[in-house]
Amino acid sequence: MQFRRLINRMEIEVGANAGGQTSIDVISHTIAEYTTQRGPTEVEEKASADVKEDAQKLLKACHG
């Protein structure tokens, strides 16, 4: 198995909360991608500081 790259992803869910207000949930992920004989393989790592910071910026921008 050979390391290929790190990928930062954000999972974003928007919906109505119990009070009828819009809620936004952001989950940060860092994925390590490896190359194997069977092709690319993704392994989830602890979310990086960069993707966590980006998630906070996104929430701040959405809440004004």
Protein backbone atom coordinates (compact mmCIF):
# COMPACT_ATOMS: atom_id res chain seq x y z
CA MET A 1 0.00 0.00 0.00
CA GLN A 2 1.43 3.37 -1.03
CA PHE A 3 0.27 6.76 0.28
CA ARG A 4 -1.13 8.98 -2.46
CA ARG A 5 -2.72 12.10 -0.89
CA LEU A 6 -4.78 13.64 1.94
CA ILE A 7 -8.30 14.84 1.20
CA ASN A 8 -10.28 17.25 3.41
CA ARG A 9 -14.06 16.97 3.11
CA MET A 10 -16.99 18.65 4.79
CA GLU A 11 -20.36 16.96 5.14
CA ILE A 12 -23.07 19.61 5.36
CA GLU A 13 -26.68 19.01 6.39
CA VAL A 14 -29.29 21.78 6.22
CA GLY A 15 -32.78 21.33 7.60
CA ALA A 16 -35.41 22.64 9.97
CA ASN A 17 -34.92 22.23 13.70
CA ALA A 18 -37.68 21.64 16.26
CA GLY A 19 -38.42 25.39 16.46
CA GLY A 20 -38.92 25.69 12.71
CA GLN A 21 -35.63 27.56 12.22
CA THR A 22 -33.06 26.47 9.67
CA SER A 23 -30.22 24.45 11.15
CA ILE A 24 -26.84 23.79 9.57
CA ASP A 25 -24.61 20.92 10.69
CA VAL A 26 -21.06 20.59 9.37
CA ILE A 27 -18.98 17.45 9.92
CA SER A 28 -15.28 17.64 9.02
CA HIS A 29 -13.38 14.68 7.58
CA THR A 30 -9.78 14.04 6.60
CA ILE A 31 -9.24 11.05 4.32
CA ALA A 32 -5.89 9.43 3.53
CA GLU A 33 -5.89 7.91 0.06
CA TYR A 34 -3.61 4.97 -0.66
CA THR A 35 -2.91 3.06 -3.86
CA THR A 36 -3.15 -0.72 -3.62
CA GLN A 37 -3.19 -3.54 -6.15
CA ARG A 38 -6.98 -3.26 -6.21
CA GLY A 39 -6.92 0.50 -6.80
CA PRO A 40 -7.41 3.57 -4.60
CA THR A 41 -8.29 2.92 -0.95
CA GLU A 42 -9.55 5.62 1.43
CA VAL A 43 -8.89 5.54 5.17
CA GLU A 44 -10.51 8.12 7.44
CA GLU A 45 -8.08 9.94 9.72
CA LYS A 46 -8.65 12.42 12.54
CA ALA A 47 -10.04 15.63 11.00
CA SER A 48 -7.22 18.10 10.33
CA ALA A 49 -7.05 21.54 11.91
CA ASP A 50 -7.46 23.10 8.44
CA VAL A 51 -10.76 21.40 7.66
CA LYS A 52 -12.07 22.13 11.17
CA GLU A 53 -11.20 25.81 10.72
CA ASP A 54 -12.88 25.88 7.30
CA ALA A 55 -16.02 24.35 8.82
CA GLN A 56 -16.10 27.08 11.49
CA LYS A 57 -15.68 29.78 8.82
CA LEU A 58 -18.56 28.29 6.82
CA LEU A 59 -20.86 28.22 9.86
CA LYS A 60 -19.91 31.80 10.78
CA ALA A 61 -20.63 33.01 7.21
CA CYS A 62 -24.01 31.27 7.16
CA HIS A 63 -25.10 32.65 10.53
CA GLY A 64 -23.96 36.17 9.68
